[in-house]
Amino acid sequence: MGAVALLVGAVGVANVMIISVLERRQEIGLRRALGATKGQIRIQFLTEAILLALTGGVAGVTLGAAATGIYAHTKGWAIVLPPEAWAGGLGATILIGALAGLLPAIRAAPVTHTSTLEPLTLRRRKPAPGARSANLGTPENTARLEEPADDVATAQPGAHVPERRGR
């Protein structure tokens, strides 16, 4: 019964960590762009997996100790919780968390910063006449950052597309 619980916990930790890696690709890319090594990324995700499993292990040991204490109390027995039992449970959860988090940590490490940061570089377009700009910068910065949308694909058929001057 305990082996099944450990297996279910390992699958749960692995799934959470895989989803975490997929959802945090831009964060991983940013860390890599700022100089983080593959080893640092691996250690980060492996540590997160171990802490996630350890949290579950502590909750399991606490609930198991409480259930044992309640059962022993209702039977009139002395409450005995051997340290080897709860330490073994916590040790097993750390080992299971490390094994379950190994694959997601390895998958997160080779992510390159260029492939993950591309969605963040969006082209800014000039707002429609009369529309308020969301840019809170100075007028000089606003004029420099916002370029007119002069793509031929977005122009209406027969519409005049103004020329860019001074560039």
N, C-alpha and C. Protein backbone atom coordinates (compact mmCIF):
# COMPACT_ATOMS: atom_id res chain seq x y z
N MET A 1 0.83 -1.19 0.00
CA MET A 1 0.00 0.00 0.00
C MET A 1 0.88 1.26 0.00
N GLY A 2 1.93 1.24 0.76
CA GLY A 2 2.84 2.39 0.80
C GLY A 2 3.55 2.61 -0.52
N ALA A 3 3.89 1.52 -1.22
CA ALA A 3 4.57 1.64 -2.52
C ALA A 3 3.65 2.29 -3.54
N VAL A 4 2.37 1.96 -3.50
CA VAL A 4 1.41 2.57 -4.42
C VAL A 4 1.30 4.07 -4.14
N ALA A 5 1.27 4.44 -2.86
CA ALA A 5 1.19 5.86 -2.50
C ALA A 5 2.44 6.60 -2.97
N LEU A 6 3.61 5.99 -2.83
CA LEU A 6 4.84 6.63 -3.31
C LEU A 6 4.84 6.76 -4.83
N LEU A 7 4.34 5.76 -5.53
CA LEU A 7 4.27 5.81 -6.98
C LEU A 7 3.31 6.92 -7.44
N VAL A 8 2.16 7.00 -6.80
CA VAL A 8 1.20 8.06 -7.14
C VAL A 8 1.81 9.43 -6.85
N GLY A 9 2.51 9.55 -5.73
CA GLY A 9 3.17 10.82 -5.41
C GLY A 9 4.24 11.17 -6.42
N ALA A 10 4.99 10.18 -6.87
CA ALA A 10 6.04 10.43 -7.87
C ALA A 10 5.44 10.90 -9.19
N VAL A 11 4.35 10.27 -9.61
CA VAL A 11 3.69 10.68 -10.86
C VAL A 11 3.15 12.10 -10.71
N GLY A 12 2.57 12.40 -9.57
CA GLY A 12 2.04 13.75 -9.33
C GLY A 12 3.13 14.81 -9.36
N VAL A 13 4.25 14.54 -8.70
CA VAL A 13 5.36 15.50 -8.69
C VAL A 13 5.92 15.67 -10.10
N ALA A 14 6.08 14.58 -10.82
CA ALA A 14 6.62 14.67 -12.18
C ALA A 14 5.70 15.48 -13.08
N ASN A 15 4.40 15.27 -12.99
CA ASN A 15 3.46 16.03 -13.81
C ASN A 15 3.47 17.52 -13.47
N VAL A 16 3.48 17.83 -12.19
CA VAL A 16 3.51 19.24 -11.78
C VAL A 16 4.79 19.90 -12.28
N MET A 17 5.90 19.21 -12.20
CA MET A 17 7.16 19.81 -12.62
C MET A 17 7.25 19.95 -14.14
N ILE A 18 6.72 18.99 -14.88
CA ILE A 18 6.72 19.11 -16.35
C ILE A 18 5.88 20.30 -16.77
N ILE A 19 4.72 20.46 -16.17
CA ILE A 19 3.87 21.61 -16.49
C ILE A 19 4.56 22.90 -16.07
N SER A 20 5.25 22.88 -14.94
CA SER A 20 5.97 24.06 -14.48
C SER A 20 7.05 24.47 -15.47
N VAL A 21 7.77 23.50 -16.01
CA VAL A 21 8.81 23.80 -17.01
C VAL A 21 8.18 24.39 -18.26
N LEU A 22 7.07 23.82 -18.72
CA LEU A 22 6.43 24.32 -19.94
C LEU A 22 5.87 25.73 -19.74
N GLU A 23 5.30 26.00 -18.57
CA GLU A 23 4.70 27.31 -18.32
C GLU A 23 5.75 28.39 -18.06
N ARG A 24 6.94 28.00 -17.65
CA ARG A 24 7.95 28.98 -17.25
C ARG A 24 9.10 29.07 -18.24
N ARG A 25 8.84 28.76 -19.50
CA ARG A 25 9.90 28.80 -20.51
C ARG A 25 10.49 30.20 -20.65
N GLN A 26 9.65 31.22 -20.59
CA GLN A 26 10.18 32.59 -20.73
C GLN A 26 11.04 32.96 -19.52
N GLU A 27 10.65 32.52 -18.34
CA GLU A 27 11.47 32.78 -17.16
C GLU A 27 12.82 32.08 -17.29
N ILE A 28 12.80 30.85 -17.78
CA ILE A 28 14.04 30.10 -17.97
C ILE A 28 14.92 30.82 -18.99
N GLY A 29 14.32 31.27 -20.09
CA GLY A 29 15.07 32.01 -21.11
C GLY A 29 15.66 33.29 -20.58
N LEU A 30 14.89 33.99 -19.76
CA LEU A 30 15.40 35.23 -19.17
C LEU A 30 16.57 34.95 -18.24
N ARG A 31 16.46 33.92 -17.43
CA ARG A 31 17.57 33.56 -16.54
C ARG A 31 18.81 33.17 -17.33
N ARG A 32 18.59 32.43 -18.44
CA ARG A 32 19.73 32.05 -19.29
C ARG A 32 20.35 33.29 -19.93
N ALA A 33 19.51 34.25 -20.36
CA ALA A 33 20.03 35.47 -20.97
C ALA A 33 20.81 36.30 -19.97
N LEU A 34 20.45 36.20 -18.70
CA LEU A 34 21.16 36.94 -17.65
C LEU A 34 22.38 36.20 -17.13
N GLY A 35 22.67 35.03 -17.70
CA GLY A 35 23.92 34.35 -17.36
C GLY A 35 23.79 33.07 -16.57
N ALA A 36 22.58 32.59 -16.33
CA ALA A 36 22.43 31.33 -15.59
C ALA A 36 22.92 30.17 -16.46
N THR A 37 23.60 29.24 -15.84
CA THR A 37 24.11 28.07 -16.57
C THR A 37 23.04 26.98 -16.60
N LYS A 38 23.27 25.98 -17.44
CA LYS A 38 22.34 24.84 -17.51
C LYS A 38 22.27 24.14 -16.16
N GLY A 39 23.40 24.03 -15.49
CA GLY A 39 23.44 23.38 -14.18
C GLY A 39 22.61 24.12 -13.14
N GLN A 40 22.63 25.44 -13.18
CA GLN A 40 21.83 26.23 -12.24
C GLN A 40 20.34 26.04 -12.50
N ILE A 41 19.96 25.96 -13.76
CA ILE A 41 18.55 25.73 -14.10
C ILE A 41 18.13 24.33 -13.63
N ARG A 42 19.00 23.33 -13.87
CA ARG A 42 18.70 21.97 -13.41
C ARG A 42 18.54 21.93 -11.90
N ILE A 43 19.44 22.56 -11.19
CA ILE A 43 19.38 22.54 -9.73
C ILE A 43 18.12 23.24 -9.23
N GLN A 44 17.72 24.34 -9.88
CA GLN A 44 16.51 25.05 -9.48
C GLN A 44 15.29 24.13 -9.57
N PHE A 45 15.12 23.47 -10.70
CA PHE A 45 13.93 22.63 -10.87
C PHE A 45 14.00 21.35 -10.04
N LEU A 46 15.19 20.82 -9.86
CA LEU A 46 15.34 19.65 -9.00
C LEU A 46 15.02 20.00 -7.54
N THR A 47 15.47 21.17 -7.10
CA THR A 47 15.17 21.63 -5.74
C THR A 47 13.68 21.84 -5.56
N GLU A 48 13.04 22.42 -6.55
CA GLU A 48 11.59 22.63 -6.47
C GLU A 48 10.85 21.29 -6.37
N ALA A 49 11.29 20.30 -7.13
CA ALA A 49 10.64 18.99 -7.09
C ALA A 49 10.83 18.34 -5.72
N ILE A 50 12.02 18.44 -5.17
CA ILE A 50 12.28 17.85 -3.85
C ILE A 50 11.46 18.56 -2.79
N LEU A 51 11.38 19.88 -2.84
CA LEU A 51 10.59 20.62 -1.85
C LEU A 51 9.10 20.30 -1.98
N LEU A 52 8.62 20.13 -3.21
CA LEU A 52 7.22 19.76 -3.42
C LEU A 52 6.95 18.39 -2.82
N ALA A 53 7.83 17.42 -3.08
CA ALA A 53 7.65 16.08 -2.53
C ALA A 53 7.80 16.09 -1.01
N LEU A 54 8.72 16.87 -0.50
CA LEU A 54 8.94 16.94 0.95
C LEU A 54 7.73 17.53 1.65
N THR A 55 7.09 18.51 1.01
CA THR A 55 5.88 19.08 1.59
C THR A 55 4.79 18.02 1.70
N GLY A 56 4.63 17.24 0.64
CA GLY A 56 3.67 16.14 0.69
C GLY A 56 4.06 15.09 1.71
N GLY A 57 5.35 14.81 1.83
CA GLY A 57 5.82 13.83 2.80
C GLY A 57 5.58 14.27 4.24
N VAL A 58 5.82 15.53 4.52
CA VAL A 58 5.57 16.06 5.87
C VAL A 58 4.08 15.99 6.19
N ALA A 59 3.25 16.34 5.21
CA ALA A 59 1.80 16.25 5.43
C ALA A 59 1.39 14.80 5.66
N GLY A 60 1.96 13.87 4.90
CA GLY A 60 1.64 12.45 5.06
C GLY A 60 2.08 11.90 6.41
N VAL A 61 3.29 12.27 6.83
CA VAL A 61 3.79 11.80 8.13
C VAL A 61 2.94 12.40 9.25
N THR A 62 2.56 13.66 9.13
CA THR A 62 1.75 14.31 10.15
C THR A 62 0.37 13.64 10.25
N LEU A 63 -0.26 13.42 9.09
CA LEU A 63 -1.57 12.76 9.11
C LEU A 63 -1.46 11.33 9.60
N GLY A 64 -0.40 10.62 9.20
CA GLY A 64 -0.21 9.25 9.67
C GLY A 64 0.02 9.19 11.17
N ALA A 65 0.81 10.12 11.70
CA ALA A 65 1.06 10.15 13.15
C ALA A 65 -0.22 10.49 13.90
N ALA A 66 -1.01 11.44 13.36
CA ALA A 66 -2.27 11.81 14.00
C ALA A 66 -3.24 10.63 13.99
N ALA A 67 -3.34 9.93 12.85
CA ALA A 67 -4.24 8.79 12.77
C ALA A 67 -3.79 7.68 13.72
N THR A 68 -2.49 7.45 13.80
CA THR A 68 -1.96 6.44 14.72
C THR A 68 -2.25 6.81 16.17
N GLY A 69 -2.04 8.09 16.48
CA GLY A 69 -2.30 8.55 17.84
C GLY A 69 -3.77 8.44 18.22
N ILE A 70 -4.66 8.79 17.32
CA ILE A 70 -6.10 8.71 17.59
C ILE A 70 -6.52 7.25 17.78
N TYR A 71 -6.04 6.38 16.89
CA TYR A 71 -6.39 4.96 16.98
C TYR A 71 -5.86 4.36 18.28
N ALA A 72 -4.61 4.66 18.61
CA ALA A 72 -4.02 4.12 19.84
C ALA A 72 -4.76 4.65 21.07
N HIS A 73 -5.19 5.88 21.04
CA HIS A 73 -5.90 6.47 22.17
C HIS A 73 -7.28 5.82 22.36
N THR A 74 -7.97 5.56 21.23
CA THR A 74 -9.30 4.93 21.34
C THR A 74 -9.20 3.49 21.85
N LYS A 75 -8.11 2.82 21.61
CA LYS A 75 -7.91 1.44 22.07
C LYS A 75 -7.30 1.39 23.47
N GLY A 76 -6.86 2.55 23.96
CA GLY A 76 -6.25 2.58 25.27
C GLY A 76 -4.79 2.16 25.27
N TRP A 77 -4.16 2.18 24.13
CA TRP A 77 -2.76 1.78 24.01
C TRP A 77 -1.86 2.99 24.22
N ALA A 78 -0.61 2.69 24.47
CA ALA A 78 0.40 3.75 24.55
C ALA A 78 0.74 4.19 23.13
N ILE A 79 0.91 5.49 22.94
CA ILE A 79 1.24 6.02 21.62
C ILE A 79 2.75 5.94 21.42
N VAL A 80 3.17 5.12 20.46
CA VAL A 80 4.58 4.95 20.16
C VAL A 80 4.80 5.24 18.67
N LEU A 81 5.60 6.25 18.40
CA LEU A 81 5.96 6.58 17.02
C LEU A 81 7.47 6.50 16.89
N PRO A 82 7.99 5.38 16.35
CA PRO A 82 9.44 5.24 16.24
C PRO A 82 10.02 6.28 15.27
N PRO A 83 11.12 6.92 15.66
CA PRO A 83 11.74 7.92 14.78
C PRO A 83 12.17 7.35 13.44
N GLU A 84 12.52 6.05 13.41
CA GLU A 84 12.92 5.43 12.16
C GLU A 84 11.76 5.40 11.16
N ALA A 85 10.54 5.30 11.65
CA ALA A 85 9.37 5.21 10.76
C ALA A 85 9.14 6.54 10.06
N TRP A 86 9.05 7.62 10.84
CA TRP A 86 8.78 8.91 10.18
C TRP A 86 9.99 9.43 9.44
N ALA A 87 11.20 9.14 9.92
CA ALA A 87 12.40 9.56 9.19
C ALA A 87 12.52 8.78 7.87
N GLY A 88 12.16 7.51 7.89
CA GLY A 88 12.18 6.70 6.66
C GLY A 88 11.16 7.21 5.66
N GLY A 89 10.00 7.62 6.14
CA GLY A 89 8.98 8.18 5.25
C GLY A 89 9.44 9.47 4.60
N LEU A 90 10.06 10.34 5.39
CA LEU A 90 10.56 11.60 4.84
C LEU A 90 11.73 11.36 3.89
N GLY A 91 12.60 10.42 4.24
CA GLY A 91 13.71 10.09 3.35
C GLY A 91 13.23 9.53 2.02
N ALA A 92 12.20 8.69 2.08
CA ALA A 92 11.64 8.12 0.84
C ALA A 92 11.02 9.21 -0.03
N THR A 93 10.36 10.18 0.59
CA THR A 93 9.75 11.24 -0.22
C THR A 93 10.82 12.12 -0.86
N ILE A 94 11.92 12.34 -0.17
CA ILE A 94 13.00 13.13 -0.78
C ILE A 94 13.58 12.38 -1.98
N LEU A 95 13.80 11.08 -1.82
CA LEU A 95 14.33 10.27 -2.92
C LEU A 95 13.35 10.22 -4.09
N ILE A 96 12.08 10.01 -3.81
CA ILE A 96 11.07 9.96 -4.86
C ILE A 96 10.96 11.32 -5.55
N GLY A 97 10.99 12.41 -4.79
CA GLY A 97 10.93 13.75 -5.38
C GLY A 97 12.12 14.02 -6.28
N ALA A 98 13.30 13.59 -5.86
CA ALA A 98 14.49 13.80 -6.69
C ALA A 98 14.40 13.00 -7.98
N LEU A 99 13.95 11.76 -7.89
CA LEU A 99 13.82 10.94 -9.10
C LEU A 99 12.73 11.47 -10.03
N ALA A 100 11.61 11.91 -9.45
CA ALA A 100 10.50 12.40 -10.27
C ALA A 100 10.83 13.75 -10.89
N GLY A 101 11.66 14.55 -10.23
CA GLY A 101 12.00 15.87 -10.76
C GLY A 101 13.21 15.88 -11.67
N LEU A 102 13.86 14.74 -11.82
CA LEU A 102 15.07 14.68 -12.63
C LEU A 102 14.78 14.94 -14.11
N LEU A 103 13.79 14.28 -14.67
CA LEU A 103 13.47 14.46 -16.09
C LEU A 103 13.04 15.90 -16.40
N PRO A 104 12.11 16.50 -15.63
CA PRO A 104 11.77 17.90 -15.91
C PRO A 104 12.96 18.84 -15.77
N ALA A 105 13.84 18.58 -14.81
CA ALA A 105 15.02 19.44 -14.64
C ALA A 105 15.95 19.32 -15.83
N ILE A 106 16.11 18.12 -16.34
CA ILE A 106 16.96 17.91 -17.51
C ILE A 106 16.34 18.57 -18.74
N ARG A 107 15.00 18.51 -18.86
CA ARG A 107 14.33 19.14 -20.01
C ARG A 107 14.39 20.66 -19.94
N ALA A 108 14.46 21.22 -18.74
CA ALA A 108 14.48 22.68 -18.61
C ALA A 108 15.85 23.26 -18.91
N ALA A 109 16.90 22.52 -18.66
CA ALA A 109 18.26 23.05 -18.76
C ALA A 109 18.67 23.51 -20.15
N PRO A 110 18.40 22.79 -21.23
CA PRO A 110 18.92 23.23 -22.54
C PRO A 110 18.10 24.32 -23.22
N VAL A 111 17.08 24.86 -22.57
CA VAL A 111 16.27 25.92 -23.18
C VAL A 111 17.15 27.13 -23.46
N THR A 112 17.09 27.64 -24.69
CA THR A 112 17.91 28.80 -25.05
C THR A 112 17.12 30.08 -24.82
N HIS A 113 17.84 31.14 -24.54
CA HIS A 113 17.17 32.41 -24.26
C HIS A 113 16.55 33.02 -25.51
N THR A 114 17.12 32.78 -26.66
CA THR A 114 16.59 33.40 -27.87
C THR A 114 15.26 32.79 -28.28
N SER A 115 15.09 31.50 -28.11
CA SER A 115 13.84 30.86 -28.53
C SER A 115 12.68 31.20 -27.60
N THR A 116 12.95 31.53 -26.35
CA THR A 116 11.87 31.79 -25.41
C THR A 116 11.49 33.26 -25.33
N LEU A 117 12.37 34.16 -25.71
CA LEU A 117 12.08 35.57 -25.57
C LEU A 117 11.47 36.18 -26.83
N GLU A 118 11.39 35.44 -27.92
CA GLU A 118 10.83 35.98 -29.15
C GLU A 118 9.39 36.45 -29.01
N PRO A 119 8.49 35.74 -28.29
CA PRO A 119 7.12 36.24 -28.18
C PRO A 119 7.03 37.58 -27.45
N LEU A 120 8.04 37.96 -26.70
CA LEU A 120 8.00 39.22 -25.97
C LEU A 120 8.30 40.41 -26.85
N THR A 121 8.90 40.21 -28.01
CA THR A 121 9.27 41.32 -28.88
C THR A 121 8.16 41.54 -29.90
N LEU A 122 7.19 42.32 -29.52
CA LEU A 122 6.08 42.63 -30.40
C LEU A 122 6.29 44.00 -31.00
N ARG A 123 5.85 44.16 -32.22
CA ARG A 123 6.00 45.45 -32.90
C ARG A 123 4.95 46.41 -32.38
N ARG A 124 5.37 47.58 -31.99
CA ARG A 124 4.43 48.59 -31.51
C ARG A 124 3.84 49.33 -32.70
N ARG A 125 2.57 49.63 -32.61
CA ARG A 125 1.89 50.36 -33.67
C ARG A 125 1.36 51.67 -33.12
N LYS A 126 1.25 52.64 -34.01
CA LYS A 126 0.72 53.95 -33.63
C LYS A 126 -0.78 53.81 -33.38
N PRO A 127 -1.29 54.38 -32.28
CA PRO A 127 -2.73 54.27 -32.01
C PRO A 127 -3.54 55.04 -33.04
N ALA A 128 -4.79 54.67 -33.16
CA ALA A 128 -5.68 55.33 -34.10
C ALA A 128 -5.84 56.79 -33.70
N PRO A 129 -6.16 57.67 -34.65
CA PRO A 129 -6.34 59.08 -34.32
C PRO A 129 -7.42 59.24 -33.26
N GLY A 130 -7.12 60.04 -32.25
CA GLY A 130 -8.06 60.28 -31.16
C GLY A 130 -7.97 59.27 -30.04
N ALA A 131 -7.29 58.15 -30.25
CA ALA A 131 -7.15 57.15 -29.20
C ALA A 131 -6.05 57.55 -28.24
N ARG A 132 -6.21 57.18 -26.99
CA ARG A 132 -5.20 57.51 -25.99
C ARG A 132 -4.13 56.44 -26.00
N SER A 133 -2.89 56.85 -25.84
CA SER A 133 -1.77 55.92 -25.83
C SER A 133 -1.62 55.33 -24.44
N ALA A 134 -1.30 54.04 -24.37
CA ALA A 134 -1.06 53.38 -23.09
C ALA A 134 0.35 53.66 -22.58
N ASN A 135 1.19 54.28 -23.42
CA ASN A 135 2.56 54.57 -23.04
C ASN A 135 2.56 55.77 -22.10
N LEU A 136 3.13 55.60 -20.92
CA LEU A 136 3.15 56.67 -19.93
C LEU A 136 4.45 57.47 -19.96
N GLY A 137 5.26 57.25 -20.97
CA GLY A 137 6.54 57.94 -21.07
C GLY A 137 6.37 59.38 -21.55
N THR A 138 7.49 60.03 -21.75
CA THR A 138 7.47 61.41 -22.21
C THR A 138 7.06 61.45 -23.67
N PRO A 139 6.63 62.60 -24.16
CA PRO A 139 6.24 62.69 -25.57
C PRO A 139 7.37 62.33 -26.52
N GLU A 140 8.62 62.65 -26.14
CA GLU A 140 9.74 62.29 -27.00
C GLU A 140 9.88 60.77 -27.12
N ASN A 141 9.75 60.09 -25.98
CA ASN A 141 9.84 58.63 -26.00
C ASN A 141 8.66 58.01 -26.75
N THR A 142 7.49 58.60 -26.58
CA THR A 142 6.30 58.08 -27.24
C THR A 142 6.47 58.17 -28.75
N ALA A 143 6.96 59.31 -29.23
CA ALA A 143 7.14 59.48 -30.67
C ALA A 143 8.20 58.52 -31.20
N ARG A 144 9.22 58.23 -30.41
CA ARG A 144 10.30 57.36 -30.87
C ARG A 144 9.88 55.89 -30.85
N LEU A 145 9.07 55.47 -29.87
CA LEU A 145 8.70 54.07 -29.73
C LEU A 145 7.57 53.66 -30.66
N GLU A 146 6.63 54.56 -30.91
CA GLU A 146 5.47 54.19 -31.71
C GLU A 146 5.71 54.55 -33.16
N GLU A 147 5.69 53.54 -33.98
CA GLU A 147 5.89 53.74 -35.42
C GLU A 147 4.56 53.56 -36.13
N PRO A 148 4.37 54.24 -37.24
CA PRO A 148 3.12 54.07 -37.97
C PRO A 148 3.03 52.68 -38.58
N ALA A 149 1.82 52.19 -38.64
CA ALA A 149 1.59 50.89 -39.25
C ALA A 149 1.46 51.09 -40.74
N ASP A 150 2.53 50.86 -41.49
CA ASP A 150 2.50 51.09 -42.93
C ASP A 150 2.67 49.78 -43.69
N ASP A 151 2.26 48.68 -43.08
CA ASP A 151 2.35 47.40 -43.77
C ASP A 151 1.36 47.37 -44.92
N VAL A 152 1.78 46.89 -46.06
CA VAL A 152 0.90 46.80 -47.22
C VAL A 152 -0.24 45.82 -46.94
N ALA A 153 0.04 44.78 -46.14
CA ALA A 153 -0.97 43.77 -45.86
C ALA A 153 -2.13 44.34 -45.05
N THR A 154 -1.88 45.39 -44.23
CA THR A 154 -2.94 45.94 -43.40
C THR A 154 -3.65 47.10 -44.06
N ALA A 155 -3.14 47.62 -45.19
CA ALA A 155 -3.77 48.75 -45.85
C ALA A 155 -4.99 48.30 -46.64
N GLN A 156 -5.99 49.15 -46.68
CA GLN A 156 -7.19 48.88 -47.46
C GLN A 156 -6.87 48.98 -48.94
N PRO A 157 -7.52 48.20 -49.78
CA PRO A 157 -7.27 48.31 -51.22
C PRO A 157 -7.58 49.71 -51.72
N GLY A 158 -6.65 50.27 -52.44
CA GLY A 158 -6.82 51.61 -52.99
C GLY A 158 -6.47 52.72 -52.02
N ALA A 159 -6.13 52.38 -50.76
CA ALA A 159 -5.79 53.42 -49.78
C ALA A 159 -4.37 53.89 -50.00
N HIS A 160 -4.14 55.16 -49.66
CA HIS A 160 -2.81 55.75 -49.81
C HIS A 160 -1.98 55.44 -48.57
N VAL A 161 -0.80 54.86 -48.76
CA VAL A 161 0.11 54.57 -47.66
C VAL A 161 1.16 55.66 -47.67
N PRO A 162 1.25 56.47 -46.58
CA PRO A 162 2.22 57.57 -46.57
C PRO A 162 3.65 57.06 -46.55
N GLU A 163 4.53 57.83 -47.14
CA GLU A 163 5.96 57.48 -47.15
C GLU A 163 6.58 57.86 -45.82
N ARG A 164 7.61 57.13 -45.45
CA ARG A 164 8.38 57.49 -44.28
C ARG A 164 9.43 58.51 -44.71
N ARG A 165 9.53 59.56 -43.96
CA ARG A 165 10.53 60.58 -44.28
C ARG A 165 11.47 60.76 -43.10
N GLY A 166 12.68 61.12 -43.42
CA GLY A 166 13.65 61.43 -42.38
C GLY A 166 14.24 60.21 -41.70
N ARG A 167 14.22 59.07 -42.34
CA ARG A 167 14.80 57.88 -41.72
C ARG A 167 15.85 57.28 -42.58
